[in-house]
Amino acid sequence: MRNDCVFNGEQLMMEELSDLVKIRVALWFKAYSRDCLLLNVTVQRSLGAVQVLISPESTVGDLIAAVLRQYAKEGRRLILPSTDPSGFDLHYSQFSLESLDREEKLAALGSRNFFLCPKKYAPDAESGGCVTTASCSKEAEKANRIGLPWLKF
């Protein structure tokens, strides 16, 4: 009986690999070959995407937490002001206006590439605290109301 591993449809013969690589491959297959997704998440103002292996049954909130842990572990530049997952939103892309629901399962999203950005806070006049802005469209409307006189013809 031969000890073969199947990876992406190709057979790898274990006899051809060194002992150290054999152990690593066996551990990798045991841990990650079942049900894992490789997701790419680009963090705002950071170079390159953070790659995360995560279960399809995990939620968007779990993905945000995993990305922030991986980002800090890799010691990437643009040090984030906070690694608290509640301070970040996940979007399909940097051009997507609405953030994804934190309780939604990753298997239902239909994408493996996402964009992570910090939530923006605006002062709330009534309570004196802070309130998150729901979308970029509200900010655009606010900017249009202010207007600049030198732009008007």
C-alpha atoms as a PDB file:
ATOM      1  CA  MET A   1       0.000   0.000   0.000  1.00  0.00           C
ATOM      2  CA  ARG A   2       1.373   3.398  -1.011  1.00  0.00           C
ATOM      3  CA  ASN A   3       1.082   6.508   1.095  1.00  0.00           C
ATOM      4  CA  ASP A   4      -0.230   9.092  -1.331  1.00  0.00           C
ATOM      5  CA  CYS A   5      -1.820  12.459  -0.681  1.00  0.00           C
ATOM      6  CA  VAL A   6      -4.196  14.116  -3.093  1.00  0.00           C
ATOM      7  CA  PHE A   7      -3.864  17.898  -3.385  1.00  0.00           C
ATOM      8  CA  ASN A   8      -5.835  19.826  -6.024  1.00  0.00           C
ATOM      9  CA  GLY A   9      -6.316  16.662  -8.042  1.00  0.00           C
ATOM     10  CA  GLU A  10      -2.581  15.781  -8.117  1.00  0.00           C
ATOM     11  CA  GLN A  11      -1.110  12.835  -6.270  1.00  0.00           C
ATOM     12  CA  LEU A  12       1.951  13.474  -4.150  1.00  0.00           C
ATOM     13  CA  MET A  13       3.963  10.349  -3.345  1.00  0.00           C
ATOM     14  CA  MET A  14       5.105  10.510   0.255  1.00  0.00           C
ATOM     15  CA  GLU A  15       8.242   8.473  -0.519  1.00  0.00           C
ATOM     16  CA  GLU A  16       9.541  11.361  -2.629  1.00  0.00           C
ATOM     17  CA  LEU A  17       9.376  13.836   0.239  1.00  0.00           C
ATOM     18  CA  SER A  18      11.851  14.240   3.079  1.00  0.00           C
ATOM     19  CA  ASP A  19      10.802  13.171   6.569  1.00  0.00           C
ATOM     20  CA  LEU A  20      10.283  16.726   7.779  1.00  0.00           C
ATOM     21  CA  VAL A  21       8.111  17.612   4.809  1.00  0.00           C
ATOM     22  CA  LYS A  22       6.132  14.390   5.290  1.00  0.00           C
ATOM     23  CA  ILE A  23       5.220  15.424   8.810  1.00  0.00           C
ATOM     24  CA  ARG A  24       4.279  18.948   7.741  1.00  0.00           C
ATOM     25  CA  VAL A  25       2.119  17.760   4.848  1.00  0.00           C
ATOM     26  CA  ALA A  26       0.364  15.179   7.014  1.00  0.00           C
ATOM     27  CA  LEU A  27      -0.401  17.762   9.705  1.00  0.00           C
ATOM     28  CA  TRP A  28      -1.597  20.279   7.116  1.00  0.00           C
ATOM     29  CA  PHE A  29      -3.942  17.771   5.460  1.00  0.00           C
ATOM     30  CA  LYS A  30      -5.290  16.661   8.814  1.00  0.00           C
ATOM     31  CA  ALA A  31      -5.969  20.213   9.994  1.00  0.00           C
ATOM     32  CA  TYR A  32      -7.095  22.049   6.867  1.00  0.00           C
ATOM     33  CA  SER A  33      -8.125  19.657   4.118  1.00  0.00           C
ATOM     34  CA  ARG A  34     -11.681  19.095   5.283  1.00  0.00           C
ATOM     35  CA  ASP A  35     -13.796  22.226   5.307  1.00  0.00           C
ATOM     36  CA  CYS A  36     -11.802  25.420   5.091  1.00  0.00           C
ATOM     37  CA  LEU A  37     -11.961  28.462   2.874  1.00  0.00           C
ATOM     38  CA  LEU A  38      -8.934  30.516   1.903  1.00  0.00           C
ATOM     39  CA  LEU A  39     -10.142  34.119   1.974  1.00  0.00           C
ATOM     40  CA  ASN A  40      -8.282  37.253   0.909  1.00  0.00           C
ATOM     41  CA  VAL A  41      -9.093  40.397   2.866  1.00  0.00           C
ATOM     42  CA  THR A  42      -7.559  43.738   1.947  1.00  0.00           C
ATOM     43  CA  VAL A  43      -7.239  46.089   4.908  1.00  0.00           C
ATOM     44  CA  GLN A  44      -7.761  49.771   4.126  1.00  0.00           C
ATOM     45  CA  ARG A  45      -4.465  51.638   3.514  1.00  0.00           C
ATOM     46  CA  SER A  46      -2.423  48.429   3.742  1.00  0.00           C
ATOM     47  CA  LEU A  47      -0.368  46.759   1.027  1.00  0.00           C
ATOM     48  CA  GLY A  48      -1.519  43.336  -0.079  1.00  0.00           C
ATOM     49  CA  ALA A  49      -4.319  41.144   1.149  1.00  0.00           C
ATOM     50  CA  VAL A  50      -4.318  39.199   4.399  1.00  0.00           C
ATOM     51  CA  GLN A  51      -4.960  35.511   3.726  1.00  0.00           C
ATOM     52  CA  VAL A  52      -7.036  33.610   6.261  1.00  0.00           C
ATOM     53  CA  LEU A  53      -8.047  29.940   6.439  1.00  0.00           C
ATOM     54  CA  ILE A  54     -11.459  29.734   8.076  1.00  0.00           C
ATOM     55  CA  SER A  55     -14.450  27.417   8.273  1.00  0.00           C
ATOM     56  CA  PRO A  56     -17.380  28.109   5.893  1.00  0.00           C
ATOM     57  CA  GLU A  57     -19.693  27.917   8.909  1.00  0.00           C
ATOM     58  CA  SER A  58     -17.995  30.940  10.490  1.00  0.00           C
ATOM     59  CA  THR A  59     -19.673  34.338  10.417  1.00  0.00           C
ATOM     60  CA  VAL A  60     -18.521  37.683   9.040  1.00  0.00           C
ATOM     61  CA  GLY A  61     -17.740  38.753  12.616  1.00  0.00           C
ATOM     62  CA  ASP A  62     -15.473  35.718  13.042  1.00  0.00           C
ATOM     63  CA  LEU A  63     -13.671  36.606   9.800  1.00  0.00           C
ATOM     64  CA  ILE A  64     -13.090  40.201  10.937  1.00  0.00           C
ATOM     65  CA  ALA A  65     -11.593  38.947  14.218  1.00  0.00           C
ATOM     66  CA  ALA A  66      -9.389  36.402  12.397  1.00  0.00           C
ATOM     67  CA  VAL A  67      -8.123  39.015   9.922  1.00  0.00           C
ATOM     68  CA  LEU A  68      -7.224  41.438  12.711  1.00  0.00           C
ATOM     69  CA  ARG A  69      -5.348  38.685  14.594  1.00  0.00           C
ATOM     70  CA  GLN A  70      -3.453  37.686  11.438  1.00  0.00           C
ATOM     71  CA  TYR A  71      -2.687  41.332  10.572  1.00  0.00           C
ATOM     72  CA  ALA A  72      -1.179  41.920  14.026  1.00  0.00           C
ATOM     73  CA  LYS A  73       0.662  38.573  13.955  1.00  0.00           C
ATOM     74  CA  GLU A  74       2.315  39.463  10.627  1.00  0.00           C
ATOM     75  CA  GLY A  75       3.362  42.859  12.034  1.00  0.00           C
ATOM     76  CA  ARG A  76       2.150  44.750   9.003  1.00  0.00           C
ATOM     77  CA  ARG A  77       2.664  48.458   8.569  1.00  0.00           C
ATOM     78  CA  LEU A  78       0.005  50.941   9.145  1.00  0.00           C
ATOM     79  CA  ILE A  79      -0.418  49.846  12.668  1.00  0.00           C
ATOM     80  CA  LEU A  80      -4.121  49.746  13.388  1.00  0.00           C
ATOM     81  CA  PRO A  81      -5.378  52.023  16.171  1.00  0.00           C
ATOM     82  CA  SER A  82      -7.364  49.132  17.635  1.00  0.00           C
ATOM     83  CA  THR A  83      -7.708  45.404  17.087  1.00  0.00           C
ATOM     84  CA  ASP A  84     -11.246  45.357  18.444  1.00  0.00           C
ATOM     85  CA  PRO A  85     -13.423  43.653  15.769  1.00  0.00           C
ATOM     86  CA  SER A  86     -16.424  45.834  16.635  1.00  0.00           C
ATOM     87  CA  GLY A  87     -14.535  48.861  15.287  1.00  0.00           C
ATOM     88  CA  PHE A  88     -14.331  47.476  11.732  1.00  0.00           C
ATOM     89  CA  ASP A  89     -16.708  46.708   8.866  1.00  0.00           C
ATOM     90  CA  LEU A  90     -16.306  44.156   6.072  1.00  0.00           C
ATOM     91  CA  HIS A  91     -17.311  45.004   2.485  1.00  0.00           C
ATOM     92  CA  TYR A  92     -17.268  43.072  -0.791  1.00  0.00           C
ATOM     93  CA  SER A  93     -14.871  45.681  -2.220  1.00  0.00           C
ATOM     94  CA  GLN A  94     -13.593  49.155  -1.529  1.00  0.00           C
ATOM     95  CA  PHE A  95     -16.314  50.458  -3.853  1.00  0.00           C
ATOM     96  CA  SER A  96     -19.157  48.740  -1.997  1.00  0.00           C
ATOM     97  CA  LEU A  97     -21.210  51.214   0.042  1.00  0.00           C
ATOM     98  CA  GLU A  98     -22.946  48.840   2.455  1.00  0.00           C
ATOM     99  CA  SER A  99     -21.108  46.661   4.946  1.00  0.00           C
ATOM    100  CA  LEU A 100     -21.854  42.956   5.320  1.00  0.00           C
ATOM    101  CA  ASP A 101     -24.062  41.666   8.138  1.00  0.00           C
ATOM    102  CA  ARG A 102     -21.876  40.335  10.972  1.00  0.00           C
ATOM    103  CA  GLU A 103     -24.134  37.315  11.562  1.00  0.00           C
ATOM    104  CA  GLU A 104     -24.091  36.100   7.939  1.00  0.00           C
ATOM    105  CA  LYS A 105     -22.308  32.798   7.237  1.00  0.00           C
ATOM    106  CA  LEU A 106     -19.234  32.935   4.990  1.00  0.00           C
ATOM    107  CA  ALA A 107     -20.513  30.055   2.840  1.00  0.00           C
ATOM    108  CA  ALA A 108     -23.512  32.185   1.813  1.00  0.00           C
ATOM    109  CA  LEU A 109     -21.500  35.217   0.673  1.00  0.00           C
ATOM    110  CA  GLY A 110     -20.396  33.899  -2.723  1.00  0.00           C
ATOM    111  CA  SER A 111     -17.005  35.634  -2.683  1.00  0.00           C
ATOM    112  CA  ARG A 112     -13.530  34.947  -1.358  1.00  0.00           C
ATOM    113  CA  ASN A 113     -12.186  38.488  -1.624  1.00  0.00           C
ATOM    114  CA  PHE A 114     -13.219  41.223   0.793  1.00  0.00           C
ATOM    115  CA  PHE A 115     -12.284  44.703   1.999  1.00  0.00           C
ATOM    116  CA  LEU A 116     -11.916  45.622   5.684  1.00  0.00           C
ATOM    117  CA  CYS A 117     -12.130  49.220   6.846  1.00  0.00           C
ATOM    118  CA  PRO A 118     -12.514  50.947  10.202  1.00  0.00           C
ATOM    119  CA  LYS A 119     -15.940  52.252  11.106  1.00  0.00           C
ATOM    120  CA  LYS A 120     -16.238  56.010  10.925  1.00  0.00           C
ATOM    121  CA  TYR A 121     -17.774  57.770  13.868  1.00  0.00           C
ATOM    122  CA  ALA A 122     -19.722  61.041  13.706  1.00  0.00           C
ATOM    123  CA  PRO A 123     -20.697  63.109  16.750  1.00  0.00           C
ATOM    124  CA  ASP A 124     -24.312  62.670  17.798  1.00  0.00           C
ATOM    125  CA  ALA A 125     -25.829  66.018  18.819  1.00  0.00           C
ATOM    126  CA  GLU A 126     -28.647  64.498  20.891  1.00  0.00           C
ATOM    127  CA  SER A 127     -26.728  62.088  23.084  1.00  0.00           C
ATOM    128  CA  GLY A 128     -23.324  63.755  22.991  1.00  0.00           C
ATOM    129  CA  GLY A 129     -21.784  60.397  22.074  1.00  0.00           C
ATOM    130  CA  CYS A 130     -20.818  58.811  18.798  1.00  0.00           C
ATOM    131  CA  VAL A 131     -22.885  57.082  16.164  1.00  0.00           C
ATOM    132  CA  THR A 132     -21.580  55.059  13.228  1.00  0.00           C
ATOM    133  CA  THR A 133     -22.436  56.212   9.746  1.00  0.00           C
ATOM    134  CA  ALA A 134     -24.398  53.591   7.827  1.00  0.00           C
ATOM    135  CA  SER A 135     -23.025  54.239   4.358  1.00  0.00           C
ATOM    136  CA  CYS A 136     -20.915  56.448   2.163  1.00  0.00           C
ATOM    137  CA  SER A 137     -24.022  57.805   0.429  1.00  0.00           C
ATOM    138  CA  LYS A 138     -25.026  59.676   3.598  1.00  0.00           C
ATOM    139  CA  GLU A 139     -21.590  61.284   3.754  1.00  0.00           C
ATOM    140  CA  ALA A 140     -21.852  62.287   0.085  1.00  0.00           C
ATOM    141  CA  GLU A 141     -25.257  63.910   0.680  1.00  0.00           C
ATOM    142  CA  LYS A 142     -23.828  65.819   3.635  1.00  0.00           C
ATOM    143  CA  ALA A 143     -20.910  67.084   1.538  1.00  0.00           C
ATOM    144  CA  ASN A 144     -23.287  68.211  -1.219  1.00  0.00           C
ATOM    145  CA  ARG A 145     -25.359  70.219   1.272  1.00  0.00           C
ATOM    146  CA  ILE A 146     -22.308  72.093   2.532  1.00  0.00           C
ATOM    147  CA  GLY A 147     -21.196  73.011  -0.973  1.00  0.00           C
ATOM    148  CA  LEU A 148     -18.277  75.155  -1.976  1.00  0.00           C
ATOM    149  CA  PRO A 149     -19.036  78.567  -3.548  1.00  0.00           C
ATOM    150  CA  TRP A 150     -16.087  78.467  -5.898  1.00  0.00           C
ATOM    151  CA  LEU A 151     -17.394  75.235  -7.466  1.00  0.00           C
ATOM    152  CA  LYS A 152     -20.798  76.708  -8.353  1.00  0.00           C
ATOM    153  CA  PHE A 153     -21.262  78.307 -11.765  1.00  0.00           C
END
